[in-house]
Amino acid sequence: MKKSHKQRRTERSKARSDSAGDDMHIYISPIMFIMAVCFTALGLAYEFFCSLAAVLLHECAHARVAKKLGYELNMIKLMPYGAALCGDALLPPKHEVRIALAGPLFNLTLATLFAALWWLVPQSYMFTQAFCANNLYIGLFNLLPVYPLDGGRVLLALLGAKIKRDKAYKITRIVSAVMGLIALSLFALSAVYSLNICFLCVGIFMLVSAFIPDNRAKYRALFALGSRVERLSDPLEVKNYAVSSDVPAPVLCRALDPERYTEFTVMDGTLEKAGRFDETDLINYIKTSGYDVTAGEIMDRHTIRKT
C-alpha cells in the first residue's frame, strides 16, 4: 500500500528526531576553565592555548580513525590530560586499539616533527616549544595503562580478546587503582623534598576513574538506521563498488560515506558479477554476526533473504 505524503513526512520527522537524540555533544571539564583563568593571570595564556590545541588535535585523531572504521563518538570530552573516552563501547579489539592509539601517536608525531624543526630553524624554538612540550606530555600520559586513558583502553581491548569482557574490565580497573595509589604515594614522598601537586591530581583522577565509571562518551555505528533513513529525505547519490568475495567487513566499512548510499557488487575470479548487496545488508550483518565476515558471506545471506 502506497504511503501518503503526510505519512512519509511524519516518518522523516521521526527519523530526524531519533537521529537528533544521538547528536554529538561536547563536554568541557570545569578544570579547563579554571586552568584558563589561572594561566592567563600568570601570563601563560599562550602556553594554555597550546595545550588546548594539542588536546583538540588528539580528539580529532581519535575521531578520524573511528570514522574510517565506521564509528563516531557521541561525545567529545575536552580534559586537561587529553582524551577521556569512558564509554564501554563494544568495539572489536583491533578497532578499539587502533582508535585508542590514534590520539597519543598523533601527539607524539607532532612533538617529534616540531623538535626536528628546531634543527632546521632554531629561531622557531621560542614559538613552538610550548606546543611541542604539550603534545609530548599528552601523548605519553595517555599511554599509561589507566582506564579511561588510551593506554587503559588498549589494555582492556587486549585482555578482552583473550578473556571475557567483564573480567577484562575488572582487571583494567584494578590496574588503574594501583597506578592511582602509586601516584598518591609519590605525592606523599614529594612532601619530604619538594611538594608535587601534579602527583596528587593524577592520583585522584586515576582512583576516581577506577571506581566511578563514566558511561557518557561512547562510540556508535556511523550508519545507524535513523541517520540513513534521514538521508533519503533528499535525493541521494548511489555509489557502487566492485569487490572480491574475500574482502572483510572492516574494509567494506571504510568505503561507506554519509553523503552517499553505498552498494557493493561482488565479482568472481573471471570478473563476472556473482551478486550484490548494499550498506544496509552490511550493517545488519555486522550487528548480528560481528566484523568477522566477508563480502561473499554477506552476498550469500542477502541472496537467501531475497529468495
Protein backbone atom coordinates (compact mmCIF):
# COMPACT_ATOMS: atom_id res chain seq x y z
CA MET A 1 0.00 0.00 0.00
CA LYS A 2 1.40 3.36 -1.02
CA LYS A 3 2.08 5.80 1.79
CA SER A 4 0.65 9.29 1.64
CA HIS A 5 2.86 12.36 1.56
CA LYS A 6 1.81 13.15 5.15
CA GLN A 7 2.83 9.68 6.33
CA ARG A 8 6.22 9.94 4.61
CA ARG A 9 6.76 13.37 6.13
CA THR A 10 5.88 12.02 9.58
CA GLU A 11 8.33 9.14 9.18
CA ARG A 12 11.09 11.50 8.08
CA SER A 13 10.37 13.72 11.05
CA LYS A 14 10.57 10.75 13.41
CA ALA A 15 13.84 9.58 11.85
CA ARG A 16 15.21 13.10 12.23
CA SER A 17 14.16 13.14 15.86
CA ASP A 18 15.70 9.72 16.53
CA SER A 19 18.91 10.78 14.87
CA ALA A 20 18.99 14.04 16.84
CA GLY A 21 18.95 12.04 20.04
CA ASP A 22 22.39 10.72 19.05
CA ASP A 23 23.85 14.11 18.14
CA MET A 24 27.44 14.81 19.06
CA HIS A 25 27.89 16.56 22.39
CA ILE A 26 30.93 18.45 23.62
CA TYR A 27 31.84 18.23 27.30
CA ILE A 28 34.42 20.68 28.63
CA SER A 29 35.85 19.86 32.02
CA PRO A 30 35.39 22.69 34.57
CA ILE A 31 39.10 22.30 35.26
CA MET A 32 39.76 23.67 31.77
CA PHE A 33 38.04 26.97 32.65
CA ILE A 34 39.90 27.19 35.97
CA MET A 35 43.17 26.50 34.16
CA ALA A 36 42.38 29.19 31.56
CA VAL A 37 41.87 31.82 34.26
CA CYS A 38 44.96 30.75 36.24
CA PHE A 39 47.26 30.56 33.22
CA THR A 40 46.05 33.95 31.94
CA ALA A 41 46.55 35.53 35.37
CA LEU A 42 50.10 34.14 35.44
CA GLY A 43 50.82 35.45 31.95
CA LEU A 44 50.84 31.96 30.47
CA ALA A 45 47.81 32.25 28.19
CA TYR A 46 49.91 31.21 25.16
CA GLU A 47 51.02 28.01 26.90
CA PHE A 48 47.43 27.21 27.85
CA PHE A 49 46.14 27.59 24.30
CA CYS A 50 48.99 25.43 23.02
CA SER A 51 47.78 22.77 25.46
CA LEU A 52 44.19 23.20 24.28
CA ALA A 53 45.29 22.85 20.65
CA ALA A 54 47.15 19.62 21.48
CA VAL A 55 44.04 18.22 23.21
CA LEU A 56 41.79 19.12 20.27
CA LEU A 57 44.19 17.53 17.78
CA HIS A 58 44.29 14.44 19.99
CA GLU A 59 40.48 14.19 19.84
CA CYS A 60 40.43 14.81 16.08
CA ALA A 61 42.86 11.93 15.55
CA HIS A 62 40.55 9.61 17.50
CA ALA A 63 37.52 10.80 15.55
CA ARG A 64 39.27 10.48 12.18
CA VAL A 65 40.36 6.89 12.68
CA ALA A 66 36.99 5.97 14.21
CA LYS A 67 35.14 7.33 11.19
CA LYS A 68 37.37 5.36 8.82
CA LEU A 69 36.41 2.21 10.73
CA GLY A 70 32.69 3.01 10.64
CA TYR A 71 32.14 4.70 14.02
CA GLU A 72 31.82 8.12 15.53
CA LEU A 73 31.89 9.43 19.08
CA ASN A 74 28.65 10.65 20.63
CA MET A 75 30.66 12.97 22.89
CA ILE A 76 33.96 14.81 22.68
CA LYS A 77 35.42 15.42 26.12
CA LEU A 78 37.99 18.17 26.50
CA MET A 79 40.13 17.34 29.52
CA PRO A 80 43.46 18.74 30.78
CA TYR A 81 45.21 15.44 30.01
CA GLY A 82 43.70 14.85 26.57
CA ALA A 83 41.02 12.38 25.54
CA ALA A 84 38.85 10.53 28.04
CA LEU A 85 36.76 8.03 26.12
CA CYS A 86 35.00 6.45 29.05
CA GLY A 87 32.11 4.65 27.39
CA ASP A 88 32.30 0.86 27.49
CA ALA A 89 31.58 0.52 23.80
CA LEU A 90 31.61 -2.99 22.36
CA LEU A 91 34.13 -2.47 19.57
CA PRO A 92 36.17 -5.27 18.02
CA PRO A 93 39.53 -5.34 19.90
CA LYS A 94 41.54 -4.45 16.77
CA HIS A 95 39.36 -1.40 16.15
CA GLU A 96 39.46 -0.32 19.78
CA VAL A 97 43.26 -0.48 19.83
CA ARG A 98 43.60 1.46 16.57
CA ILE A 99 41.20 4.19 17.69
CA ALA A 100 42.73 4.46 21.16
CA LEU A 101 46.31 4.71 19.88
CA ALA A 102 45.47 7.29 17.21
CA GLY A 103 45.32 10.20 19.67
CA PRO A 104 48.60 9.77 21.58
CA LEU A 105 50.54 8.66 18.48
CA PHE A 106 49.43 11.79 16.64
CA ASN A 107 50.55 13.94 19.60
CA LEU A 108 53.93 12.20 19.72
CA THR A 109 54.33 12.57 15.94
CA LEU A 110 53.66 16.31 16.19
CA ALA A 111 56.14 16.63 19.07
CA THR A 112 58.79 14.81 17.03
CA LEU A 113 58.19 16.94 13.93
CA PHE A 114 58.48 20.21 15.84
CA ALA A 115 61.59 19.00 17.67
CA ALA A 116 63.10 18.19 14.26
CA LEU A 117 62.10 21.65 13.04
CA TRP A 118 64.36 23.21 15.66
CA TRP A 119 67.39 21.68 13.91
CA LEU A 120 66.39 23.32 10.64
CA VAL A 121 65.02 26.60 12.00
CA PRO A 122 66.40 27.21 15.51
CA GLN A 123 64.55 30.54 15.68
CA SER A 124 61.23 28.65 15.75
CA TYR A 125 62.01 27.19 19.18
CA MET A 126 60.61 30.10 21.19
CA PHE A 127 57.30 29.88 19.27
CA THR A 128 56.88 26.10 19.18
CA GLN A 129 58.47 24.86 22.43
CA ALA A 130 55.20 25.04 24.40
CA PHE A 131 53.20 23.28 21.68
CA CYS A 132 55.82 20.54 21.35
CA ALA A 133 56.03 20.01 25.12
CA ASN A 134 52.24 19.77 25.49
CA ASN A 135 51.94 17.24 22.68
CA LEU A 136 54.71 15.18 24.27
CA TYR A 137 53.07 15.31 27.71
CA ILE A 138 49.56 14.49 26.48
CA GLY A 139 50.79 11.70 24.23
CA LEU A 140 52.87 9.98 26.92
CA PHE A 141 50.33 10.48 29.70
CA ASN A 142 47.52 8.95 27.65
CA LEU A 143 49.60 5.83 27.03
CA LEU A 144 49.54 4.96 30.75
CA PRO A 145 47.59 1.68 31.31
CA VAL A 146 44.90 3.54 33.25
CA TYR A 147 41.26 3.37 32.23
CA PRO A 148 39.78 5.51 30.67
CA LEU A 149 43.05 6.84 29.22
CA ASP A 150 44.03 5.47 25.83
CA GLY A 151 46.60 3.09 27.32
CA GLY A 152 43.88 1.69 29.56
CA ARG A 153 41.57 1.17 26.60
CA VAL A 154 44.34 -0.67 24.76
CA LEU A 155 44.86 -2.87 27.82
CA LEU A 156 41.11 -3.53 28.02
CA ALA A 157 40.94 -4.43 24.31
CA LEU A 158 43.91 -6.80 24.51
CA LEU A 159 42.55 -8.52 27.63
CA GLY A 160 39.05 -8.63 26.11
CA ALA A 161 40.42 -10.54 23.13
CA LYS A 162 41.63 -13.30 25.48
CA ILE A 163 39.09 -13.39 28.33
CA LYS A 164 35.50 -12.31 28.95
CA ARG A 165 34.91 -8.58 28.64
CA ASP A 166 33.57 -8.21 32.21
CA LYS A 167 36.65 -9.86 33.69
CA ALA A 168 38.96 -7.78 31.49
CA TYR A 169 37.12 -4.65 32.64
CA LYS A 170 37.69 -5.54 36.33
CA ILE A 171 41.38 -6.24 35.77
CA THR A 172 41.81 -2.94 33.95
CA ARG A 173 40.17 -1.02 36.79
CA ILE A 174 42.36 -2.80 39.35
CA VAL A 175 45.44 -1.72 37.39
CA SER A 176 44.06 1.85 37.33
CA ALA A 177 43.55 1.80 41.10
CA VAL A 178 47.08 0.52 41.72
CA MET A 179 48.52 3.23 39.46
CA GLY A 180 46.48 5.82 41.35
CA LEU A 181 47.85 4.62 44.69
CA ILE A 182 51.39 4.77 43.30
CA ALA A 183 50.82 8.39 42.19
CA LEU A 184 49.46 9.35 45.64
CA SER A 185 52.45 7.65 47.28
CA LEU A 186 54.78 9.70 45.10
CA PHE A 187 52.88 12.83 46.15
CA ALA A 188 53.33 11.94 49.82
CA LEU A 189 57.03 11.27 49.19
CA SER A 190 57.42 14.58 47.38
CA ALA A 191 56.27 16.42 50.55
CA VAL A 192 59.58 15.48 52.13
CA TYR A 193 61.64 17.09 49.35
CA SER A 194 59.59 19.35 47.06
CA LEU A 195 55.78 19.13 47.09
CA ASN A 196 54.45 17.97 43.71
CA ILE A 197 50.73 18.76 43.33
CA CYS A 198 50.72 17.05 39.93
CA PHE A 199 51.08 13.63 41.56
CA LEU A 200 48.08 14.42 43.79
CA CYS A 201 45.84 15.43 40.86
CA VAL A 202 46.89 12.44 38.76
CA GLY A 203 46.41 10.02 41.66
CA ILE A 204 42.91 11.32 42.42
CA PHE A 205 41.97 11.14 38.75
CA MET A 206 43.14 7.53 38.48
CA LEU A 207 41.27 6.41 41.61
CA VAL A 208 38.07 8.20 40.59
CA SER A 209 38.27 6.64 37.12
CA ALA A 210 38.81 3.19 38.64
CA PHE A 211 35.82 3.28 40.99
CA ILE A 212 33.36 5.71 39.40
CA PRO A 213 32.86 4.74 35.73
CA ASP A 214 31.60 7.40 33.32
CA ASN A 215 29.48 5.97 30.50
CA ARG A 216 28.57 9.18 28.70
CA ALA A 217 31.16 9.03 25.94
CA LYS A 218 30.61 6.09 23.59
CA TYR A 219 31.27 5.11 20.03
CA ARG A 220 28.26 4.41 17.87
CA ALA A 221 27.90 2.90 14.44
CA LEU A 222 28.29 5.72 11.95
CA PHE A 223 25.45 4.48 9.74
CA ALA A 224 22.61 3.79 12.20
CA LEU A 225 19.17 3.18 10.66
CA GLY A 226 17.75 6.54 11.75
CA SER A 227 20.52 8.56 10.12
CA ARG A 228 20.37 6.52 6.92
CA VAL A 229 16.59 6.98 6.60
CA GLU A 230 17.04 10.69 7.23
CA ARG A 231 19.50 10.96 4.33
CA LEU A 232 16.80 9.74 1.95
CA SER A 233 14.62 12.80 2.63
CA ASP A 234 16.54 14.40 -0.27
CA PRO A 235 17.89 12.83 -3.47
CA LEU A 236 20.96 10.82 -2.57
CA GLU A 237 23.73 9.65 -4.88
CA VAL A 238 24.24 5.87 -5.03
CA LYS A 239 27.87 4.74 -5.10
CA ASN A 240 28.72 1.23 -6.28
CA TYR A 241 31.98 -0.60 -5.56
CA ALA A 242 33.22 -3.80 -7.18
CA VAL A 243 34.83 -6.14 -4.64
CA SER A 244 36.03 -9.72 -4.44
CA SER A 245 34.23 -12.20 -2.21
CA ASP A 246 37.05 -12.34 0.34
CA VAL A 247 37.08 -8.61 1.22
CA PRO A 248 36.50 -8.37 5.03
CA ALA A 249 33.75 -6.27 6.62
CA PRO A 250 36.12 -3.64 8.16
CA VAL A 251 37.45 -2.83 4.67
CA LEU A 252 33.90 -2.53 3.35
CA CYS A 253 33.02 -0.15 6.20
CA ARG A 254 35.80 2.20 5.14
CA ALA A 255 34.04 2.65 1.81
CA LEU A 256 30.84 3.94 3.45
CA ASP A 257 30.14 7.63 3.02
CA PRO A 258 27.42 9.61 4.85
CA GLU A 259 26.88 11.69 1.70
CA ARG A 260 26.07 8.66 -0.48
CA TYR A 261 24.24 5.36 -0.34
CA THR A 262 26.71 2.56 -0.97
CA GLU A 263 26.19 -0.67 -2.90
CA PHE A 264 28.69 -3.48 -3.44
CA THR A 265 28.94 -5.75 -6.48
CA VAL A 266 30.79 -8.99 -5.76
CA MET A 267 32.97 -10.21 -8.65
CA ASP A 268 34.26 -13.74 -9.14
CA GLY A 269 37.71 -14.82 -10.40
CA THR A 270 36.77 -14.16 -14.02
CA LEU A 271 35.42 -10.66 -13.26
CA GLU A 272 31.84 -11.85 -13.69
CA LYS A 273 29.19 -10.48 -11.33
CA ALA A 274 28.49 -13.05 -8.63
CA GLY A 275 25.94 -10.98 -6.71
CA ARG A 276 25.36 -7.75 -4.84
CA PHE A 277 24.40 -6.22 -1.50
CA ASP A 278 24.21 -2.71 -0.05
CA GLU A 279 25.23 -0.84 3.09
CA THR A 280 22.03 -1.81 4.89
CA ASP A 281 22.85 -5.50 4.40
CA LEU A 282 26.42 -4.85 5.56
CA ILE A 283 25.42 -3.03 8.76
CA ASN A 284 22.66 -5.53 9.61
CA TYR A 285 25.05 -8.46 9.18
CA ILE A 286 27.68 -6.78 11.39
CA LYS A 287 25.08 -6.18 14.10
CA THR A 288 24.11 -9.84 14.21
CA SER A 289 27.39 -11.59 13.36
CA GLY A 290 30.17 -9.12 14.12
CA TYR A 291 33.02 -7.96 11.89
CA ASP A 292 34.46 -11.40 11.21
CA VAL A 293 32.65 -11.74 7.89
CA THR A 294 33.47 -11.30 4.20
CA ALA A 295 31.70 -9.75 1.23
CA GLY A 296 30.89 -13.22 -0.15
CA GLU A 297 29.13 -14.28 3.06
CA ILE A 298 27.08 -11.07 3.14
CA MET A 299 26.16 -11.56 -0.52
CA ASP A 300 25.02 -15.15 0.14
CA ARG A 301 22.86 -14.07 3.07
CA HIS A 302 21.38 -11.24 1.03
CA THR A 303 20.54 -13.67 -1.79
CA ILE A 304 18.88 -16.15 0.58
CA ARG A 305 16.81 -13.41 2.20
CA LYS A 306 15.59 -12.11 -1.16
CA THR A 307 14.57 -15.59 -2.32
